[in-house]
N, C-alpha and C. Protein backbone atom coordinates (compact mmCIF):
# COMPACT_ATOMS: atom_id res chain seq x y z
N MET A 1 0.85 -1.19 0.00
CA MET A 1 0.00 0.00 0.00
C MET A 1 0.89 1.24 0.00
N ASP A 2 0.50 2.24 -0.75
CA ASP A 2 1.27 3.49 -0.81
C ASP A 2 1.13 4.25 0.49
N ARG A 3 2.22 4.92 0.87
CA ARG A 3 2.16 5.82 2.01
C ARG A 3 1.31 7.01 1.60
N PRO A 4 0.36 7.46 2.47
CA PRO A 4 -0.48 8.60 2.11
C PRO A 4 0.36 9.79 1.66
N GLY A 5 -0.08 10.45 0.64
CA GLY A 5 0.60 11.64 0.14
C GLY A 5 1.55 11.37 -1.00
N LYS A 6 2.09 10.15 -1.08
CA LYS A 6 3.04 9.85 -2.14
C LYS A 6 2.36 9.85 -3.51
N THR A 7 1.08 9.51 -3.54
CA THR A 7 0.36 9.47 -4.81
C THR A 7 -0.70 10.58 -4.88
N GLY A 8 -0.53 11.60 -4.05
CA GLY A 8 -1.47 12.71 -4.07
C GLY A 8 -2.74 12.45 -3.29
N GLN A 9 -2.76 11.39 -2.48
CA GLN A 9 -3.94 11.09 -1.69
C GLN A 9 -4.19 12.17 -0.66
N LEU A 10 -5.45 12.44 -0.40
CA LEU A 10 -5.83 13.35 0.66
C LEU A 10 -6.31 12.51 1.83
N ILE A 11 -6.14 13.04 3.05
CA ILE A 11 -6.63 12.35 4.23
C ILE A 11 -7.57 13.26 5.00
N PRO A 12 -8.55 12.69 5.70
CA PRO A 12 -9.47 13.51 6.49
C PRO A 12 -8.85 13.87 7.83
N ILE A 13 -8.91 15.15 8.17
CA ILE A 13 -8.42 15.66 9.46
C ILE A 13 -9.49 16.60 10.02
N TYR A 14 -9.79 16.44 11.29
CA TYR A 14 -10.78 17.29 11.94
C TYR A 14 -10.13 18.59 12.40
N ASN A 15 -10.74 19.71 12.06
CA ASN A 15 -10.27 21.04 12.46
C ASN A 15 -11.11 21.47 13.66
N ALA A 16 -10.51 21.50 14.84
CA ALA A 16 -11.24 21.83 16.06
C ALA A 16 -11.72 23.28 16.09
N ARG A 17 -11.04 24.16 15.36
CA ARG A 17 -11.46 25.57 15.35
C ARG A 17 -12.70 25.78 14.50
N SER A 18 -12.77 25.09 13.36
CA SER A 18 -13.94 25.26 12.48
C SER A 18 -15.04 24.26 12.80
N GLY A 19 -14.69 23.17 13.49
CA GLY A 19 -15.68 22.13 13.79
C GLY A 19 -16.00 21.25 12.59
N ARG A 20 -15.10 21.26 11.59
CA ARG A 20 -15.36 20.50 10.36
C ARG A 20 -14.19 19.58 10.04
N THR A 21 -14.52 18.50 9.36
CA THR A 21 -13.48 17.61 8.84
C THR A 21 -13.09 18.11 7.47
N GLU A 22 -11.78 18.19 7.23
CA GLU A 22 -11.26 18.70 5.97
C GLU A 22 -10.37 17.64 5.32
N GLU A 23 -10.34 17.61 4.01
CA GLU A 23 -9.43 16.73 3.28
C GLU A 23 -8.12 17.51 3.09
N VAL A 24 -7.02 16.95 3.59
CA VAL A 24 -5.73 17.65 3.53
C VAL A 24 -4.65 16.72 2.97
N VAL A 25 -3.59 17.34 2.50
CA VAL A 25 -2.44 16.59 2.00
C VAL A 25 -1.56 16.23 3.19
N PRO A 26 -1.13 14.97 3.29
CA PRO A 26 -0.20 14.61 4.37
C PRO A 26 1.10 15.43 4.25
N VAL A 27 1.75 15.67 5.37
CA VAL A 27 2.99 16.42 5.39
C VAL A 27 4.15 15.42 5.45
N ILE A 28 4.96 15.42 4.41
CA ILE A 28 6.10 14.52 4.31
C ILE A 28 7.34 15.36 4.04
N LYS A 29 8.32 15.26 4.94
CA LYS A 29 9.56 16.03 4.80
C LYS A 29 10.75 15.13 5.10
N THR A 30 11.90 15.55 4.66
CA THR A 30 13.14 14.84 4.97
C THR A 30 13.59 15.21 6.38
N ASP A 31 14.50 14.43 6.94
CA ASP A 31 15.06 14.78 8.25
C ASP A 31 15.69 16.16 8.22
N ALA A 32 16.37 16.49 7.13
CA ALA A 32 17.01 17.82 7.03
C ALA A 32 15.96 18.93 7.09
N GLU A 33 14.83 18.72 6.43
CA GLU A 33 13.75 19.73 6.47
C GLU A 33 13.16 19.84 7.87
N TRP A 34 12.97 18.70 8.54
CA TRP A 34 12.44 18.74 9.91
C TRP A 34 13.43 19.42 10.84
N LYS A 35 14.72 19.12 10.71
CA LYS A 35 15.74 19.72 11.57
C LYS A 35 15.79 21.24 11.40
N ALA A 36 15.53 21.73 10.20
CA ALA A 36 15.52 23.17 9.95
C ALA A 36 14.31 23.84 10.60
N GLN A 37 13.23 23.10 10.79
CA GLN A 37 11.98 23.63 11.33
C GLN A 37 11.88 23.52 12.85
N LEU A 38 12.46 22.47 13.41
CA LEU A 38 12.27 22.13 14.82
C LEU A 38 13.53 22.40 15.64
N THR A 39 13.34 22.56 16.96
CA THR A 39 14.50 22.59 17.85
C THR A 39 15.07 21.18 17.92
N SER A 40 16.26 21.03 18.47
CA SER A 40 16.86 19.69 18.57
C SER A 40 16.02 18.78 19.45
N GLU A 41 15.45 19.29 20.54
CA GLU A 41 14.58 18.48 21.39
C GLU A 41 13.31 18.07 20.66
N GLN A 42 12.68 19.01 19.97
CA GLN A 42 11.47 18.70 19.22
C GLN A 42 11.74 17.64 18.15
N PHE A 43 12.87 17.76 17.46
CA PHE A 43 13.23 16.79 16.43
C PHE A 43 13.45 15.41 17.05
N GLN A 44 14.19 15.35 18.15
CA GLN A 44 14.48 14.07 18.79
C GLN A 44 13.19 13.39 19.27
N VAL A 45 12.28 14.15 19.84
CA VAL A 45 11.03 13.57 20.35
C VAL A 45 10.07 13.25 19.21
N ALA A 46 9.75 14.23 18.39
CA ALA A 46 8.70 14.06 17.38
C ALA A 46 9.11 13.23 16.17
N ARG A 47 10.37 13.31 15.77
CA ARG A 47 10.79 12.62 14.55
C ARG A 47 11.59 11.35 14.83
N LYS A 48 12.18 11.24 16.03
CA LYS A 48 13.04 10.08 16.35
C LYS A 48 12.51 9.27 17.53
N GLN A 49 11.23 9.47 17.87
CA GLN A 49 10.54 8.70 18.91
C GLN A 49 11.20 8.80 20.29
N GLY A 50 11.74 9.98 20.59
CA GLY A 50 12.33 10.21 21.90
C GLY A 50 11.26 10.57 22.92
N THR A 51 11.71 10.90 24.11
CA THR A 51 10.80 11.37 25.15
C THR A 51 11.51 12.42 25.98
N GLU A 52 10.74 13.30 26.56
CA GLU A 52 11.31 14.29 27.47
C GLU A 52 11.25 13.73 28.89
N TYR A 53 12.07 14.25 29.77
CA TYR A 53 12.04 13.82 31.16
C TYR A 53 10.72 14.26 31.80
N ALA A 54 10.22 13.43 32.70
CA ALA A 54 8.98 13.74 33.42
C ALA A 54 9.12 15.07 34.15
N PHE A 55 8.04 15.83 34.18
CA PHE A 55 7.91 17.10 34.88
C PHE A 55 8.78 18.22 34.30
N THR A 56 9.34 18.03 33.10
CA THR A 56 10.18 19.07 32.49
C THR A 56 9.49 19.77 31.32
N GLY A 57 8.46 19.18 30.76
CA GLY A 57 7.79 19.75 29.60
C GLY A 57 6.96 20.97 29.96
N LYS A 58 6.88 21.91 29.04
CA LYS A 58 6.20 23.18 29.34
C LYS A 58 4.69 23.04 29.51
N TYR A 59 4.08 21.95 29.08
CA TYR A 59 2.63 21.82 29.18
C TYR A 59 2.15 20.85 30.25
N HIS A 60 3.04 20.18 30.96
CA HIS A 60 2.59 19.15 31.90
C HIS A 60 1.68 19.71 33.00
N ALA A 61 1.91 20.93 33.44
CA ALA A 61 1.09 21.51 34.51
C ALA A 61 0.20 22.65 34.01
N SER A 62 0.15 22.88 32.72
CA SER A 62 -0.63 23.99 32.17
C SER A 62 -2.13 23.82 32.43
N LYS A 63 -2.76 24.92 32.79
CA LYS A 63 -4.21 24.93 33.03
C LYS A 63 -4.94 25.86 32.06
N GLU A 64 -4.20 26.40 31.08
CA GLU A 64 -4.81 27.34 30.13
C GLU A 64 -5.79 26.62 29.21
N HIS A 65 -6.76 27.38 28.71
CA HIS A 65 -7.76 26.83 27.79
C HIS A 65 -7.32 27.04 26.35
N GLY A 66 -7.43 25.97 25.56
CA GLY A 66 -7.06 26.06 24.17
C GLY A 66 -6.95 24.71 23.51
N ILE A 67 -6.22 24.69 22.41
CA ILE A 67 -6.06 23.50 21.58
C ILE A 67 -4.58 23.15 21.51
N TYR A 68 -4.27 21.90 21.78
CA TYR A 68 -2.91 21.38 21.63
C TYR A 68 -2.80 20.80 20.23
N SER A 69 -1.79 21.25 19.50
CA SER A 69 -1.60 20.86 18.10
C SER A 69 -0.22 20.24 17.91
N CYS A 70 -0.05 19.57 16.78
CA CYS A 70 1.23 18.95 16.43
C CYS A 70 2.27 20.02 16.17
N ILE A 71 3.43 19.91 16.81
CA ILE A 71 4.52 20.87 16.63
C ILE A 71 5.05 20.84 15.20
N CYS A 72 4.88 19.72 14.51
CA CYS A 72 5.44 19.57 13.17
C CYS A 72 4.53 20.13 12.08
N CYS A 73 3.23 19.85 12.16
CA CYS A 73 2.35 20.22 11.04
C CYS A 73 1.14 21.06 11.45
N GLY A 74 0.93 21.28 12.74
CA GLY A 74 -0.17 22.11 13.19
C GLY A 74 -1.52 21.42 13.30
N THR A 75 -1.58 20.12 13.07
CA THR A 75 -2.85 19.39 13.18
C THR A 75 -3.36 19.47 14.62
N ASN A 76 -4.64 19.81 14.79
CA ASN A 76 -5.25 19.86 16.11
C ASN A 76 -5.30 18.44 16.69
N LEU A 77 -4.85 18.30 17.93
CA LEU A 77 -4.76 16.97 18.54
C LEU A 77 -5.63 16.80 19.79
N PHE A 78 -5.53 17.74 20.73
CA PHE A 78 -6.24 17.60 22.00
C PHE A 78 -6.79 18.95 22.45
N LEU A 79 -7.93 18.93 23.11
CA LEU A 79 -8.51 20.12 23.70
C LEU A 79 -8.13 20.18 25.17
N SER A 80 -7.92 21.37 25.69
CA SER A 80 -7.58 21.51 27.11
C SER A 80 -8.68 20.96 28.01
N ASP A 81 -9.92 20.93 27.51
CA ASP A 81 -11.04 20.39 28.30
C ASP A 81 -10.87 18.91 28.61
N THR A 82 -10.04 18.20 27.83
CA THR A 82 -9.83 16.77 28.05
C THR A 82 -8.52 16.49 28.79
N LYS A 83 -7.81 17.55 29.20
CA LYS A 83 -6.53 17.41 29.91
C LYS A 83 -6.80 17.14 31.38
N PHE A 84 -6.00 16.27 31.98
CA PHE A 84 -6.14 15.99 33.40
C PHE A 84 -4.76 15.75 34.00
N ASP A 85 -4.66 15.88 35.32
CA ASP A 85 -3.39 15.67 36.02
C ASP A 85 -3.27 14.19 36.33
N SER A 86 -2.43 13.51 35.57
CA SER A 86 -2.25 12.07 35.76
C SER A 86 -1.20 11.76 36.80
N GLY A 87 -0.43 12.79 37.22
CA GLY A 87 0.62 12.57 38.18
C GLY A 87 1.88 11.98 37.58
N THR A 88 1.91 11.82 36.25
CA THR A 88 3.04 11.18 35.59
C THR A 88 4.14 12.15 35.19
N GLY A 89 3.81 13.44 35.12
CA GLY A 89 4.80 14.43 34.71
C GLY A 89 4.74 14.79 33.24
N TRP A 90 3.80 14.21 32.51
CA TRP A 90 3.59 14.53 31.11
C TRP A 90 2.16 15.02 30.94
N PRO A 91 1.92 15.91 29.97
CA PRO A 91 0.53 16.31 29.73
C PRO A 91 -0.28 15.08 29.34
N SER A 92 -1.42 14.92 30.00
CA SER A 92 -2.27 13.75 29.76
C SER A 92 -3.68 14.19 29.41
N PHE A 93 -4.27 13.47 28.49
CA PHE A 93 -5.61 13.77 27.97
C PHE A 93 -6.41 12.47 27.93
N TYR A 94 -7.74 12.56 28.09
CA TYR A 94 -8.53 11.34 28.01
C TYR A 94 -9.10 11.08 26.62
N ALA A 95 -8.93 12.03 25.69
CA ALA A 95 -9.42 11.81 24.32
C ALA A 95 -8.78 12.81 23.36
N PRO A 96 -8.54 12.40 22.12
CA PRO A 96 -8.08 13.35 21.10
C PRO A 96 -9.27 14.16 20.59
N VAL A 97 -9.00 15.23 19.84
CA VAL A 97 -10.09 16.02 19.27
C VAL A 97 -10.92 15.17 18.30
N SER A 98 -10.27 14.21 17.65
CA SER A 98 -10.93 13.27 16.75
C SER A 98 -10.01 12.08 16.54
N PRO A 99 -10.57 10.88 16.42
CA PRO A 99 -9.72 9.73 16.10
C PRO A 99 -9.07 9.86 14.72
N LEU A 100 -9.60 10.74 13.88
CA LEU A 100 -9.00 10.97 12.56
C LEU A 100 -7.62 11.60 12.66
N ASN A 101 -7.37 12.36 13.71
CA ASN A 101 -6.16 13.18 13.80
C ASN A 101 -4.95 12.46 14.38
N ILE A 102 -5.18 11.26 14.89
CA ILE A 102 -4.07 10.47 15.42
C ILE A 102 -4.07 9.09 14.79
N SER A 103 -2.93 8.43 14.88
CA SER A 103 -2.86 7.01 14.55
C SER A 103 -2.09 6.34 15.67
N THR A 104 -2.26 5.05 15.82
CA THR A 104 -1.57 4.32 16.87
C THR A 104 -0.97 3.05 16.31
N HIS A 105 0.06 2.58 16.98
CA HIS A 105 0.59 1.26 16.66
C HIS A 105 1.36 0.72 17.86
N THR A 106 1.57 -0.59 17.87
CA THR A 106 2.27 -1.24 18.97
C THR A 106 3.74 -0.84 18.96
N ASP A 107 4.23 -0.48 20.15
CA ASP A 107 5.63 -0.08 20.34
C ASP A 107 6.24 -1.04 21.35
N ASN A 108 7.19 -1.85 20.91
CA ASN A 108 7.86 -2.81 21.79
C ASN A 108 9.25 -2.35 22.23
N SER A 109 9.55 -1.06 22.06
CA SER A 109 10.87 -0.55 22.43
C SER A 109 11.04 -0.52 23.94
N GLY A 110 12.28 -0.54 24.38
CA GLY A 110 12.58 -0.44 25.80
C GLY A 110 12.11 -1.62 26.63
N GLY A 111 11.85 -2.75 25.98
CA GLY A 111 11.42 -3.94 26.70
C GLY A 111 10.00 -3.88 27.22
N MET A 112 9.21 -2.93 26.71
CA MET A 112 7.81 -2.79 27.13
C MET A 112 6.91 -2.89 25.92
N LYS A 113 5.68 -3.33 26.13
CA LYS A 113 4.68 -3.31 25.07
C LYS A 113 3.73 -2.16 25.37
N ARG A 114 3.77 -1.14 24.50
CA ARG A 114 2.93 0.05 24.67
C ARG A 114 2.27 0.38 23.34
N THR A 115 1.34 1.32 23.38
CA THR A 115 0.70 1.80 22.17
C THR A 115 1.18 3.21 21.90
N GLU A 116 1.94 3.37 20.81
CA GLU A 116 2.47 4.67 20.42
C GLU A 116 1.38 5.49 19.74
N VAL A 117 1.37 6.79 20.01
CA VAL A 117 0.43 7.72 19.39
C VAL A 117 1.20 8.61 18.43
N LEU A 118 0.72 8.71 17.20
CA LEU A 118 1.36 9.51 16.15
C LEU A 118 0.36 10.50 15.58
N CYS A 119 0.86 11.60 15.05
CA CYS A 119 0.03 12.54 14.30
C CYS A 119 -0.35 11.85 12.99
N ALA A 120 -1.62 11.84 12.66
CA ALA A 120 -2.09 11.18 11.44
C ALA A 120 -1.66 11.91 10.18
N ARG A 121 -1.37 13.20 10.28
CA ARG A 121 -1.02 13.96 9.08
C ARG A 121 0.47 13.90 8.74
N CYS A 122 1.34 13.91 9.76
CA CYS A 122 2.78 13.95 9.46
C CYS A 122 3.58 12.80 10.07
N GLY A 123 2.93 11.98 10.89
CA GLY A 123 3.61 10.85 11.49
C GLY A 123 4.48 11.19 12.69
N ALA A 124 4.35 12.39 13.24
CA ALA A 124 5.15 12.76 14.40
C ALA A 124 4.82 11.87 15.59
N HIS A 125 5.86 11.46 16.31
CA HIS A 125 5.68 10.72 17.56
C HIS A 125 5.20 11.71 18.61
N LEU A 126 4.06 11.42 19.24
CA LEU A 126 3.49 12.30 20.25
C LEU A 126 3.68 11.77 21.66
N GLY A 127 3.59 10.46 21.82
CA GLY A 127 3.67 9.82 23.13
C GLY A 127 3.04 8.45 23.06
N HIS A 128 2.37 8.06 24.15
CA HIS A 128 1.74 6.74 24.23
C HIS A 128 0.36 6.86 24.87
N VAL A 129 -0.50 5.89 24.61
CA VAL A 129 -1.82 5.85 25.22
C VAL A 129 -1.92 4.59 26.08
N PHE A 130 -2.55 4.77 27.25
CA PHE A 130 -2.70 3.69 28.22
C PHE A 130 -4.16 3.56 28.62
N ASP A 131 -4.52 2.40 29.15
CA ASP A 131 -5.91 2.13 29.54
C ASP A 131 -6.16 2.40 31.02
N ASP A 132 -5.55 3.43 31.58
CA ASP A 132 -5.73 3.73 32.99
C ASP A 132 -6.17 5.18 33.21
N GLY A 133 -6.89 5.73 32.25
CA GLY A 133 -7.34 7.12 32.35
C GLY A 133 -8.71 7.23 32.99
N PRO A 134 -9.18 8.46 33.13
CA PRO A 134 -10.48 8.71 33.76
C PRO A 134 -11.64 8.49 32.80
N LYS A 135 -12.83 8.52 33.36
CA LYS A 135 -14.05 8.48 32.54
C LYS A 135 -14.10 9.77 31.75
N PRO A 136 -14.70 9.84 30.62
CA PRO A 136 -15.58 8.81 30.06
C PRO A 136 -14.88 7.75 29.21
N THR A 137 -13.59 7.92 28.88
CA THR A 137 -12.96 7.00 27.94
C THR A 137 -12.12 5.91 28.61
N GLY A 138 -11.61 6.18 29.82
CA GLY A 138 -10.71 5.25 30.46
C GLY A 138 -9.31 5.26 29.85
N LYS A 139 -9.05 6.22 28.96
CA LYS A 139 -7.75 6.31 28.28
C LYS A 139 -6.91 7.43 28.89
N ARG A 140 -5.58 7.23 28.83
CA ARG A 140 -4.63 8.28 29.22
C ARG A 140 -3.65 8.45 28.07
N TYR A 141 -3.87 9.52 27.30
CA TYR A 141 -2.95 9.88 26.23
C TYR A 141 -1.84 10.68 26.88
N CYS A 142 -0.71 10.03 27.10
CA CYS A 142 0.43 10.62 27.79
C CYS A 142 1.38 11.19 26.73
N MET A 143 1.36 12.50 26.55
CA MET A 143 2.03 13.15 25.44
C MET A 143 3.29 13.89 25.88
N ASN A 144 4.18 14.13 24.95
CA ASN A 144 5.37 14.92 25.19
C ASN A 144 5.09 16.38 24.85
N SER A 145 5.39 17.29 25.76
CA SER A 145 5.22 18.72 25.48
C SER A 145 6.01 19.13 24.24
N ALA A 146 7.19 18.53 24.04
CA ALA A 146 8.05 18.89 22.91
C ALA A 146 7.41 18.57 21.57
N ALA A 147 6.41 17.70 21.55
CA ALA A 147 5.72 17.34 20.30
C ALA A 147 4.47 18.19 20.09
N LEU A 148 4.18 19.08 21.04
CA LEU A 148 2.94 19.85 20.98
C LEU A 148 3.19 21.35 20.87
N ASP A 149 2.22 22.02 20.27
CA ASP A 149 2.15 23.47 20.27
C ASP A 149 0.80 23.79 20.91
N PHE A 150 0.64 24.99 21.44
CA PHE A 150 -0.60 25.34 22.13
C PHE A 150 -1.19 26.61 21.55
N LEU A 151 -2.46 26.54 21.21
CA LEU A 151 -3.20 27.69 20.69
C LEU A 151 -4.22 28.09 21.75
N LYS A 152 -3.98 29.20 22.43
CA LYS A 152 -4.87 29.66 23.49
C LYS A 152 -6.20 30.13 22.91
N THR A 153 -7.28 29.76 23.59
CA THR A 153 -8.61 30.22 23.15
C THR A 153 -9.27 31.07 24.22
């Protein structure tokens, strides 16, 4: 199967600001292009599946209202209304703005079996999702601040 965007395919992405699903072109760049756009920490986390140290990310304790978006492509990912204090030291959310905006896959790195969360538009590594979150979903999307941008509302 072709990687989205290589053949001009469009993908559906939900825009939390407009409240509509839009057909968009996937964002595909080389490592050199990503390095020119991102800080070294953002590149290591978002493009090389790294992680930031617990309690060091700029959004882990944030209480501001707004939309958390992908640092690489700007895709809306999480609303502040779904953010909760998980005590883990990373920003945690119980749901994405839409399942269209993320993708997941099994991550067996580090001797653990986890579910990695990626931006559906550009493939940026965001963090992991666990089944120990609050109601209504029971999910904990444990994200890296370095992979997120924040749009205050």
